[in-house]
Amino acid sequence: MADTLFDRFFQNEARLFLLTTIRVALSEDGPDLTSDGIFAPEDMAQAHIVARQSCVAAGLPIASLVLDFCGGGHQVLLNVDEGERVSDGAVLAVIQAPAARLLKAERVILNFICHLSGIATLTARYVDALAGSRTRLLDTRKTLPGLRYPEKYAVLAGGGLNHRRNLTEMLLVKNNHIDRAGSITEAVKRLRAAHSPCPPLEVECRTLDEVREAVACSVERIMFDNMGPDGIAAALRLVPKGIETEVSGNVTLETVAEIGRLGPDFVSVGRITHSAPVADMSLRITPL
């Protein structure tokens, strides 16, 4: 039964993508000739995953999945919950496994957990900056190829929300689509005619006139693209209840709180995935 954030997220397509990525990561290393030549199959080892900085933990259950691919025979005890804020020196997990398999899995486990915890940590900083406002933080599709699902999971662990996982969940009408169709109105008309039922529509608006036109089309969400505070405030006054609003474009930790005070429904930030520094962690292995 899916009773954790990790289990609920990594089902069906998301789980398939994660397992495929783990398989590729292990394949990149090939066999661990060094460990296989030194350790006997019956040699066991224990490892502690230790935080070396304060951070938000994300991706710890991946350790067991990686070891499954390496041959199993392991036990993984998680000491913290996904999305939990941990301090420097905290032991996040304890692993027991055949030594050669553990050494084969070590770097792949750390690469996933450090990367995802880094995203969750940066996401949490943006969420904290928005505290007290009605505005919710969204991610974008600015993710590493093959890591879309794990990275978007890490955003959830950090307290953010997913914008869309793929190009079918929501149709985002951008300036290229508008320019080709000739207008927002014509672009929306074509999409509603092409898809039945039509997924939710969001229109990227660059000017107040475009906002007015998108409102007239009764789309589900309007994005204010690269507008300053005055432009955002003016645009919000044009959008009635029932149409969601989103601010996007060069949003930073220094500007996100001001955007939250203006009161859009969402603010989307690409840098929480594409520019998050990895969390510093170690995997300390001792023989048993």
Foldseek 3Di string as FASTA:
>chain_A
DQDALVSVQCDDPNVVLVLVVLVVVLVVVPAPPVLPVPADQPWKKKKWKFFQAWFFWADQVVLQSSLVVLPDPKDKAAPDGQLDTDGGGDGGMMMMHRPSSCVSSFVVSQVLGQQLRLLLRVLLLLVVLLPPFLAAEEEDQLADVSCLSSNQSSNVSSPHHYPDSDCQQEPEAEPVLQVVLVHPLSSLVVQPVVDVPHHAYEYEDAALVNLLVVQVNLGQEYEHEPDDPVRVLVSVVNHDPRHAYEYEDPDDSVCSNVVRVSHGHYYYDHCSHPPGRGGDIHMDMDID
